[in-house]
Amino acid sequence: KKKFDLVSSIGVLHHTHECLKSLKVVIKKYLKQDGYLFLGLYHKYGRKPFLDYFNELKKNKVKEETIFEKFKNLRPGNDKINDKSWFRDQVLHPYETQHSFEELNIFLKKNNLEIKSTSINNFKKIDSIQKIIKMEKKFEKISKNKIKKKIYFPGFFIILAKKIQ
């Protein structure tokens, strides 16, 4: 029954059956009026090239160990158990949804929240929602370039929103 000044969900709700429906419940049930929502989700444009890259390898029946090595080339780590866990979650069995800033802006407005900040523009002041929407559509190209350069780019973004009257 308790409501909070800050609700944080980083990398969780995009793994639920209905992300936005779950988010609506969280907002209504747990967020105080004038409270803040700190939310991180997989990004519709930024995540797709990563998934496409590995889905193409799986489709071409590349051996799992080879795919794992390609994953490690993008996301080097020193702990094989942790690396394998990330690999399973990110590549072999990704159960997730992807979302856009534009989609979230519409959804949050309908639920009386206003976006105050986002990782899409490095948490700088938001002068124009339309500029952020235009900026986010470049994430697909950025993601493809990162993969070519063997740099991990999970296609993840964060927003901070405030519940308003």
N, C-alpha and C. Protein backbone atom coordinates (compact mmCIF):
# COMPACT_ATOMS: atom_id res chain seq x y z
N LYS A 1 0.81 -1.20 0.00
CA LYS A 1 0.00 0.00 0.00
C LYS A 1 0.85 1.26 0.00
N LYS A 2 2.15 1.12 0.26
CA LYS A 2 3.03 2.27 0.35
C LYS A 2 3.42 2.75 -1.05
N LYS A 3 3.47 4.08 -1.23
CA LYS A 3 3.92 4.67 -2.49
C LYS A 3 5.27 5.34 -2.25
N PHE A 4 6.02 5.51 -3.34
CA PHE A 4 7.41 5.96 -3.22
C PHE A 4 7.68 7.21 -4.04
N ASP A 5 8.70 7.97 -3.59
CA ASP A 5 9.15 9.16 -4.30
C ASP A 5 9.91 8.80 -5.57
N LEU A 6 10.54 7.64 -5.57
CA LEU A 6 11.33 7.18 -6.70
C LEU A 6 11.08 5.69 -6.91
N VAL A 7 10.76 5.34 -8.14
CA VAL A 7 10.64 3.94 -8.53
C VAL A 7 11.67 3.72 -9.63
N SER A 8 12.51 2.71 -9.46
CA SER A 8 13.57 2.42 -10.41
C SER A 8 13.39 1.02 -10.99
N SER A 9 13.47 0.92 -12.29
CA SER A 9 13.40 -0.36 -12.97
C SER A 9 14.39 -0.31 -14.14
N ILE A 10 15.52 -0.93 -13.94
CA ILE A 10 16.57 -0.90 -14.97
C ILE A 10 16.74 -2.31 -15.53
N GLY A 11 16.34 -2.49 -16.78
CA GLY A 11 16.53 -3.78 -17.44
C GLY A 11 15.64 -4.89 -16.94
N VAL A 12 14.45 -4.56 -16.46
CA VAL A 12 13.56 -5.58 -15.91
C VAL A 12 12.28 -5.71 -16.73
N LEU A 13 11.54 -4.63 -16.86
CA LEU A 13 10.19 -4.70 -17.43
C LEU A 13 10.15 -5.16 -18.89
N HIS A 14 11.23 -4.98 -19.63
CA HIS A 14 11.23 -5.46 -21.02
C HIS A 14 11.32 -6.99 -21.08
N HIS A 15 11.46 -7.63 -19.93
CA HIS A 15 11.45 -9.10 -19.88
C HIS A 15 10.10 -9.66 -19.41
N THR A 16 9.12 -8.79 -19.21
CA THR A 16 7.79 -9.25 -18.81
C THR A 16 6.95 -9.52 -20.05
N HIS A 17 5.83 -10.19 -19.84
CA HIS A 17 4.95 -10.50 -20.98
C HIS A 17 4.38 -9.25 -21.63
N GLU A 18 4.03 -8.27 -20.83
CA GLU A 18 3.47 -7.03 -21.36
C GLU A 18 4.11 -5.85 -20.63
N CYS A 19 5.20 -5.37 -21.19
CA CYS A 19 6.01 -4.35 -20.55
C CYS A 19 5.21 -3.11 -20.16
N LEU A 20 4.49 -2.54 -21.10
CA LEU A 20 3.78 -1.29 -20.82
C LEU A 20 2.62 -1.50 -19.84
N LYS A 21 1.98 -2.63 -19.93
CA LYS A 21 0.92 -2.95 -18.97
C LYS A 21 1.52 -3.07 -17.56
N SER A 22 2.66 -3.74 -17.46
CA SER A 22 3.35 -3.87 -16.18
C SER A 22 3.79 -2.50 -15.66
N LEU A 23 4.30 -1.67 -16.56
CA LEU A 23 4.73 -0.33 -16.18
C LEU A 23 3.56 0.50 -15.65
N LYS A 24 2.42 0.36 -16.28
CA LYS A 24 1.23 1.09 -15.83
C LYS A 24 0.85 0.69 -14.40
N VAL A 25 0.94 -0.59 -14.10
CA VAL A 25 0.65 -1.07 -12.74
C VAL A 25 1.64 -0.47 -11.76
N VAL A 26 2.91 -0.48 -12.11
CA VAL A 26 3.95 0.07 -11.23
C VAL A 26 3.68 1.55 -10.96
N ILE A 27 3.37 2.31 -12.00
CA ILE A 27 3.10 3.74 -11.85
C ILE A 27 1.92 3.98 -10.93
N LYS A 28 0.81 3.30 -11.19
CA LYS A 28 -0.40 3.52 -10.41
C LYS A 28 -0.28 3.03 -8.97
N LYS A 29 0.38 1.89 -8.80
CA LYS A 29 0.41 1.26 -7.48
C LYS A 29 1.53 1.78 -6.57
N TYR A 30 2.66 2.18 -7.15
CA TYR A 30 3.82 2.47 -6.31
C TYR A 30 4.38 3.89 -6.39
N LEU A 31 4.02 4.67 -7.41
CA LEU A 31 4.63 5.98 -7.58
C LEU A 31 3.77 7.09 -6.99
N LYS A 32 4.37 7.87 -6.08
CA LYS A 32 3.67 9.01 -5.47
C LYS A 32 3.45 10.11 -6.51
N GLN A 33 2.45 10.95 -6.24
CA GLN A 33 2.29 12.17 -7.03
C GLN A 33 3.58 12.98 -6.87
N ASP A 34 4.08 13.55 -7.94
CA ASP A 34 5.36 14.28 -7.98
C ASP A 34 6.56 13.36 -7.78
N GLY A 35 6.34 12.04 -7.81
CA GLY A 35 7.44 11.09 -7.71
C GLY A 35 8.13 10.91 -9.05
N TYR A 36 9.28 10.26 -9.01
CA TYR A 36 10.09 10.05 -10.21
C TYR A 36 10.17 8.58 -10.58
N LEU A 37 10.18 8.34 -11.89
CA LEU A 37 10.36 7.00 -12.45
C LEU A 37 11.70 7.00 -13.18
N PHE A 38 12.57 6.08 -12.79
CA PHE A 38 13.87 5.89 -13.43
C PHE A 38 13.79 4.56 -14.15
N LEU A 39 13.76 4.57 -15.48
CA LEU A 39 13.41 3.39 -16.25
C LEU A 39 14.44 3.12 -17.35
N GLY A 40 14.90 1.87 -17.41
CA GLY A 40 15.80 1.45 -18.47
C GLY A 40 15.21 0.29 -19.23
N LEU A 41 15.17 0.43 -20.56
CA LEU A 41 14.59 -0.60 -21.44
C LEU A 41 15.48 -0.81 -22.66
N TYR A 42 15.31 -1.97 -23.29
CA TYR A 42 15.96 -2.18 -24.58
C TYR A 42 15.32 -1.24 -25.60
N HIS A 43 16.19 -0.71 -26.44
CA HIS A 43 15.77 0.29 -27.41
C HIS A 43 15.41 -0.35 -28.75
N LYS A 44 14.27 0.05 -29.28
CA LYS A 44 13.75 -0.51 -30.54
C LYS A 44 14.77 -0.43 -31.68
N TYR A 45 15.41 0.71 -31.83
CA TYR A 45 16.33 0.89 -32.96
C TYR A 45 17.73 0.38 -32.64
N GLY A 46 18.20 0.63 -31.44
CA GLY A 46 19.55 0.25 -31.07
C GLY A 46 19.75 -1.23 -30.83
N ARG A 47 18.73 -1.93 -30.43
CA ARG A 47 18.84 -3.34 -30.08
C ARG A 47 18.76 -4.26 -31.30
N LYS A 48 17.97 -3.86 -32.29
CA LYS A 48 17.70 -4.71 -33.46
C LYS A 48 18.96 -5.22 -34.17
N PRO A 49 19.94 -4.37 -34.49
CA PRO A 49 21.13 -4.89 -35.19
C PRO A 49 21.88 -5.95 -34.39
N PHE A 50 21.94 -5.79 -33.07
CA PHE A 50 22.60 -6.78 -32.21
C PHE A 50 21.88 -8.13 -32.34
N LEU A 51 20.56 -8.11 -32.20
CA LEU A 51 19.79 -9.35 -32.30
C LEU A 51 19.87 -9.93 -33.71
N ASP A 52 19.79 -9.09 -34.73
CA ASP A 52 19.87 -9.56 -36.13
C ASP A 52 21.21 -10.24 -36.40
N TYR A 53 22.28 -9.66 -35.89
CA TYR A 53 23.62 -10.21 -36.08
C TYR A 53 23.70 -11.65 -35.56
N PHE A 54 23.23 -11.85 -34.35
CA PHE A 54 23.31 -13.19 -33.76
C PHE A 54 22.25 -14.13 -34.31
N ASN A 55 21.08 -13.62 -34.65
CA ASN A 55 20.06 -14.47 -35.26
C ASN A 55 20.51 -14.99 -36.61
N GLU A 56 21.25 -14.20 -37.35
CA GLU A 56 21.78 -14.63 -38.65
C GLU A 56 22.77 -15.77 -38.45
N LEU A 57 23.61 -15.66 -37.45
CA LEU A 57 24.57 -16.75 -37.15
C LEU A 57 23.82 -18.02 -36.77
N LYS A 58 22.82 -17.90 -35.92
CA LYS A 58 22.04 -19.08 -35.49
C LYS A 58 21.31 -19.68 -36.69
N LYS A 59 20.74 -18.82 -37.53
CA LYS A 59 20.01 -19.29 -38.72
C LYS A 59 20.94 -20.08 -39.65
N ASN A 60 22.20 -19.63 -39.73
CA ASN A 60 23.17 -20.30 -40.59
C ASN A 60 23.85 -21.48 -39.90
N LYS A 61 23.28 -21.88 -38.76
CA LYS A 61 23.73 -23.07 -38.03
C LYS A 61 25.20 -23.01 -37.61
N VAL A 62 25.65 -21.80 -37.29
CA VAL A 62 27.00 -21.63 -36.75
C VAL A 62 27.00 -22.27 -35.36
N LYS A 63 28.08 -22.97 -35.03
CA LYS A 63 28.16 -23.67 -33.74
C LYS A 63 28.06 -22.67 -32.59
N GLU A 64 27.41 -23.14 -31.51
CA GLU A 64 27.19 -22.29 -30.33
C GLU A 64 28.50 -21.73 -29.77
N GLU A 65 29.54 -22.55 -29.73
CA GLU A 65 30.82 -22.09 -29.17
C GLU A 65 31.41 -20.96 -30.03
N THR A 66 31.24 -21.03 -31.34
CA THR A 66 31.71 -19.98 -32.25
C THR A 66 30.91 -18.70 -32.03
N ILE A 67 29.60 -18.86 -31.85
CA ILE A 67 28.75 -17.70 -31.59
C ILE A 67 29.14 -17.06 -30.26
N PHE A 68 29.44 -17.91 -29.26
CA PHE A 68 29.88 -17.41 -27.96
C PHE A 68 31.17 -16.60 -28.11
N GLU A 69 32.10 -17.07 -28.91
CA GLU A 69 33.36 -16.35 -29.12
C GLU A 69 33.10 -14.99 -29.79
N LYS A 70 32.17 -14.97 -30.72
CA LYS A 70 31.82 -13.69 -31.37
C LYS A 70 31.20 -12.73 -30.36
N PHE A 71 30.38 -13.27 -29.47
CA PHE A 71 29.78 -12.47 -28.40
C PHE A 71 30.88 -11.91 -27.49
N LYS A 72 31.83 -12.78 -27.11
CA LYS A 72 32.93 -12.34 -26.24
C LYS A 72 33.81 -11.30 -26.93
N ASN A 73 33.91 -11.37 -28.26
CA ASN A 73 34.67 -10.35 -28.99
C ASN A 73 34.00 -8.98 -28.86
N LEU A 74 32.66 -9.00 -28.78
CA LEU A 74 31.92 -7.74 -28.61
C LEU A 74 31.93 -7.29 -27.15
N ARG A 75 31.81 -8.26 -26.25
CA ARG A 75 31.68 -7.96 -24.82
C ARG A 75 32.69 -8.80 -24.04
N PRO A 76 33.96 -8.40 -24.08
CA PRO A 76 34.98 -9.18 -23.38
C PRO A 76 34.76 -9.18 -21.87
N GLY A 77 35.00 -10.31 -21.28
CA GLY A 77 34.89 -10.46 -19.83
C GLY A 77 35.95 -11.42 -19.32
N ASN A 78 36.09 -11.48 -18.02
CA ASN A 78 37.12 -12.34 -17.42
C ASN A 78 36.53 -13.50 -16.63
N ASP A 79 35.23 -13.58 -16.55
CA ASP A 79 34.57 -14.60 -15.74
C ASP A 79 33.72 -15.46 -16.67
N LYS A 80 34.18 -16.65 -16.96
CA LYS A 80 33.51 -17.50 -17.95
C LYS A 80 32.06 -17.81 -17.56
N ILE A 81 31.79 -18.04 -16.27
CA ILE A 81 30.42 -18.33 -15.83
C ILE A 81 29.52 -17.12 -16.07
N ASN A 82 29.99 -15.96 -15.69
CA ASN A 82 29.23 -14.73 -15.92
C ASN A 82 29.06 -14.46 -17.41
N ASP A 83 30.14 -14.65 -18.17
CA ASP A 83 30.08 -14.43 -19.62
C ASP A 83 29.06 -15.35 -20.28
N LYS A 84 29.06 -16.63 -19.88
CA LYS A 84 28.09 -17.60 -20.43
C LYS A 84 26.66 -17.21 -20.06
N SER A 85 26.48 -16.74 -18.83
CA SER A 85 25.15 -16.31 -18.39
C SER A 85 24.64 -15.15 -19.24
N TRP A 86 25.50 -14.15 -19.44
CA TRP A 86 25.13 -13.02 -20.28
C TRP A 86 24.84 -13.49 -21.71
N PHE A 87 25.65 -14.38 -22.21
CA PHE A 87 25.48 -14.92 -23.56
C PHE A 87 24.13 -15.60 -23.71
N ARG A 88 23.78 -16.43 -22.74
CA ARG A 88 22.47 -17.12 -22.80
C ARG A 88 21.33 -16.11 -22.80
N ASP A 89 21.42 -15.12 -21.91
CA ASP A 89 20.37 -14.12 -21.79
C ASP A 89 20.29 -13.22 -23.03
N GLN A 90 21.42 -12.78 -23.51
CA GLN A 90 21.46 -11.80 -24.59
C GLN A 90 21.32 -12.41 -25.98
N VAL A 91 21.82 -13.63 -26.16
CA VAL A 91 21.93 -14.20 -27.51
C VAL A 91 21.09 -15.45 -27.71
N LEU A 92 21.24 -16.43 -26.83
CA LEU A 92 20.56 -17.71 -27.06
C LEU A 92 19.07 -17.66 -26.77
N HIS A 93 18.70 -17.01 -25.68
CA HIS A 93 17.30 -17.02 -25.26
C HIS A 93 16.80 -15.63 -24.89
N PRO A 94 16.95 -14.67 -25.78
CA PRO A 94 16.48 -13.33 -25.40
C PRO A 94 14.95 -13.28 -25.39
N TYR A 95 14.40 -13.16 -24.21
CA TYR A 95 12.95 -12.96 -24.08
C TYR A 95 12.78 -11.51 -23.70
N GLU A 96 12.41 -10.71 -24.67
CA GLU A 96 12.41 -9.27 -24.42
C GLU A 96 11.53 -8.53 -25.42
N THR A 97 11.23 -7.32 -25.06
CA THR A 97 10.58 -6.39 -25.97
C THR A 97 11.51 -5.19 -26.12
N GLN A 98 11.36 -4.49 -27.20
CA GLN A 98 12.14 -3.28 -27.43
C GLN A 98 11.18 -2.10 -27.54
N HIS A 99 11.65 -0.95 -27.12
CA HIS A 99 10.79 0.22 -27.05
C HIS A 99 11.52 1.46 -27.55
N SER A 100 10.75 2.46 -27.92
CA SER A 100 11.34 3.71 -28.37
C SER A 100 11.02 4.84 -27.40
N PHE A 101 11.82 5.86 -27.44
CA PHE A 101 11.57 7.06 -26.66
C PHE A 101 10.21 7.64 -27.05
N GLU A 102 9.95 7.67 -28.35
CA GLU A 102 8.68 8.21 -28.85
C GLU A 102 7.50 7.45 -28.25
N GLU A 103 7.56 6.13 -28.27
CA GLU A 103 6.50 5.29 -27.71
C GLU A 103 6.33 5.56 -26.21
N LEU A 104 7.45 5.62 -25.49
CA LEU A 104 7.38 5.87 -24.05
C LEU A 104 6.85 7.25 -23.73
N ASN A 105 7.23 8.24 -24.52
CA ASN A 105 6.74 9.60 -24.30
C ASN A 105 5.22 9.64 -24.38
N ILE A 106 4.65 9.01 -25.37
CA ILE A 106 3.19 8.95 -25.54
C ILE A 106 2.56 8.20 -24.37
N PHE A 107 3.12 7.04 -24.05
CA PHE A 107 2.59 6.22 -22.96
C PHE A 107 2.65 6.96 -21.62
N LEU A 108 3.78 7.56 -21.34
CA LEU A 108 3.94 8.24 -20.05
C LEU A 108 3.03 9.45 -19.94
N LYS A 109 2.86 10.20 -21.02
CA LYS A 109 1.93 11.34 -21.01
C LYS A 109 0.52 10.88 -20.65
N LYS A 110 0.10 9.77 -21.25
CA LYS A 110 -1.23 9.23 -20.96
C LYS A 110 -1.37 8.81 -19.50
N ASN A 111 -0.25 8.53 -18.85
CA ASN A 111 -0.25 8.10 -17.46
C ASN A 111 0.26 9.20 -16.52
N ASN A 112 0.16 10.44 -17.00
CA ASN A 112 0.49 11.64 -16.21
C ASN A 112 1.95 11.71 -15.75
N LEU A 113 2.84 11.33 -16.64
CA LEU A 113 4.27 11.49 -16.38
C LEU A 113 4.90 12.32 -17.49
N GLU A 114 5.91 13.06 -17.12
CA GLU A 114 6.64 13.89 -18.09
C GLU A 114 8.11 13.48 -18.05
N ILE A 115 8.67 13.20 -19.23
CA ILE A 115 10.09 12.83 -19.29
C ILE A 115 10.94 14.07 -19.02
N LYS A 116 11.86 13.91 -18.08
CA LYS A 116 12.74 15.00 -17.68
C LYS A 116 14.15 14.85 -18.24
N SER A 117 14.56 13.61 -18.47
CA SER A 117 15.94 13.37 -18.89
C SER A 117 16.03 12.00 -19.56
N THR A 118 17.04 11.83 -20.42
CA THR A 118 17.23 10.55 -21.08
C THR A 118 18.69 10.32 -21.45
N SER A 119 19.07 9.06 -21.48
CA SER A 119 20.43 8.69 -21.90
C SER A 119 20.63 8.92 -23.39
N ILE A 120 19.56 9.03 -24.14
CA ILE A 120 19.67 9.20 -25.60
C ILE A 120 20.46 10.46 -25.94
N ASN A 121 20.28 11.51 -25.15
CA ASN A 121 21.05 12.74 -25.38
C ASN A 121 22.05 12.98 -24.25
N ASN A 122 22.50 11.89 -23.63
CA ASN A 122 23.48 11.94 -22.52
C ASN A 122 22.98 12.75 -21.33
N PHE A 123 21.69 12.67 -21.08
CA PHE A 123 21.04 13.31 -19.93
C PHE A 123 21.17 14.83 -19.94
N LYS A 124 21.31 15.40 -21.13
CA LYS A 124 21.32 16.86 -21.24
C LYS A 124 19.89 17.37 -21.18
N LYS A 125 19.74 18.67 -20.99
CA LYS A 125 18.41 19.29 -20.96
C LYS A 125 17.67 18.96 -22.25
N ILE A 126 16.41 18.61 -22.10
CA ILE A 126 15.58 18.30 -23.28
C ILE A 126 14.94 19.59 -23.75
N ASP A 127 15.41 20.10 -24.88
CA ASP A 127 14.84 21.30 -25.47
C ASP A 127 13.64 20.97 -26.34
N SER A 128 13.71 19.79 -26.96
CA SER A 128 12.66 19.39 -27.90
C SER A 128 12.52 17.88 -27.90
N ILE A 129 11.31 17.43 -27.64
CA ILE A 129 11.02 15.99 -27.71
C ILE A 129 11.27 15.49 -29.13
N GLN A 130 10.92 16.29 -30.12
CA GLN A 130 11.10 15.87 -31.52
C GLN A 130 12.58 15.67 -31.86
N LYS A 131 13.46 16.46 -31.27
CA LYS A 131 14.91 16.28 -31.50
C LYS A 131 15.37 14.93 -30.95
N ILE A 132 14.85 14.57 -29.78
CA ILE A 132 15.22 13.28 -29.18
C ILE A 132 14.70 12.14 -30.05
N ILE A 133 13.48 12.27 -30.55
CA ILE A 133 12.90 11.24 -31.41
C ILE A 133 13.73 11.09 -32.69
N LYS A 134 14.14 12.20 -33.26
CA LYS A 134 14.99 12.16 -34.45
C LYS A 134 16.35 11.53 -34.13
N MET A 135 16.90 11.90 -32.97
CA MET A 135 18.19 11.37 -32.53
C MET A 135 18.13 9.86 -32.32
N GLU A 136 17.04 9.38 -31.71
CA GLU A 136 16.96 7.95 -31.39
C GLU A 136 16.90 7.08 -32.64
N LYS A 137 16.39 7.61 -33.72
CA LYS A 137 16.28 6.82 -34.96
C LYS A 137 17.65 6.57 -35.58
N LYS A 138 18.67 7.28 -35.12
CA LYS A 138 20.04 7.07 -35.59
C LYS A 138 20.72 5.90 -34.87
N PHE A 139 20.08 5.39 -33.81
CA PHE A 139 20.68 4.32 -33.03
C PHE A 139 20.89 3.04 -33.82
N GLU A 140 20.06 2.78 -34.81
CA GLU A 140 20.23 1.56 -35.60
C GLU A 140 21.56 1.60 -36.35
N LYS A 141 21.86 2.74 -36.95
CA LYS A 141 23.12 2.90 -37.68
C LYS A 141 24.30 2.84 -36.71
N ILE A 142 24.17 3.48 -35.56
CA ILE A 142 25.22 3.45 -34.54
C ILE A 142 25.48 2.01 -34.10
N SER A 143 24.42 1.27 -33.86
CA SER A 143 24.55 -0.12 -33.42
C SER A 143 25.25 -0.97 -34.47
N LYS A 144 24.87 -0.81 -35.73
CA LYS A 144 25.52 -1.57 -36.81
C LYS A 144 27.01 -1.25 -36.88
N ASN A 145 27.35 0.02 -36.74
CA ASN A 145 28.76 0.42 -36.77
C ASN A 145 29.54 -0.15 -35.60
N LYS A 146 28.93 -0.20 -34.44
CA LYS A 146 29.59 -0.76 -33.25
C LYS A 146 29.88 -2.24 -33.46
N ILE A 147 28.91 -2.97 -34.02
CA ILE A 147 29.12 -4.40 -34.28
C ILE A 147 30.28 -4.59 -35.26
N LYS A 148 30.32 -3.78 -36.32
CA LYS A 148 31.42 -3.88 -37.30
C LYS A 148 32.77 -3.65 -36.63
N LYS A 149 32.79 -2.76 -35.64
CA LYS A 149 34.03 -2.43 -34.93
C LYS A 149 34.27 -3.35 -33.73
N LYS A 150 33.41 -4.36 -33.59
CA LYS A 150 33.49 -5.33 -32.48
C LYS A 150 33.40 -4.63 -31.12
N ILE A 151 32.42 -3.73 -31.01
CA ILE A 151 32.16 -3.03 -29.76
C ILE A 151 30.75 -3.38 -29.32
N TYR A 152 30.64 -3.77 -28.06
CA TYR A 152 29.33 -4.12 -27.49
C TYR A 152 28.45 -2.89 -27.39
N PHE A 153 27.28 -2.98 -27.95
CA PHE A 153 26.28 -1.92 -27.90
C PHE A 153 24.93 -2.60 -27.70
N PRO A 154 24.49 -2.70 -26.45
CA PRO A 154 23.29 -3.50 -26.18
C PRO A 154 21.99 -2.87 -26.65
N GLY A 155 22.00 -1.61 -27.03
CA GLY A 155 20.75 -0.98 -27.46
C GLY A 155 19.82 -0.77 -26.29
N PHE A 156 20.30 -0.11 -25.30
CA PHE A 156 19.58 0.10 -24.05
C PHE A 156 19.47 1.60 -23.82
N PHE A 157 18.33 2.06 -23.30
CA PHE A 157 18.23 3.48 -22.98
C PHE A 157 17.50 3.67 -21.66
N ILE A 158 17.72 4.85 -21.09
CA ILE A 158 17.19 5.18 -19.77
C ILE A 158 16.42 6.48 -19.87
N ILE A 159 15.34 6.58 -19.12
CA ILE A 159 14.62 7.85 -19.00
C ILE A 159 14.36 8.12 -17.52
N LEU A 160 14.25 9.39 -17.21
CA LEU A 160 13.79 9.83 -15.89
C LEU A 160 12.55 10.65 -16.15
N ALA A 161 11.46 10.25 -15.52
CA ALA A 161 10.17 10.94 -15.70
C ALA A 161 9.59 11.32 -14.36
N LYS A 162 8.79 12.37 -14.36
CA LYS A 162 8.16 12.84 -13.13
C LYS A 162 6.65 12.73 -13.28
N LYS A 163 6.00 12.22 -12.23
CA LYS A 163 4.53 12.11 -12.21
C LYS A 163 3.97 13.51 -11.91
N ILE A 164 3.07 13.94 -12.78
CA ILE A 164 2.47 15.28 -12.65
C ILE A 164 0.96 15.17 -12.49
N GLN A 165 0.34 16.28 -12.10
CA GLN A 165 -1.12 16.31 -11.89
C GLN A 165 -1.86 16.09 -13.19
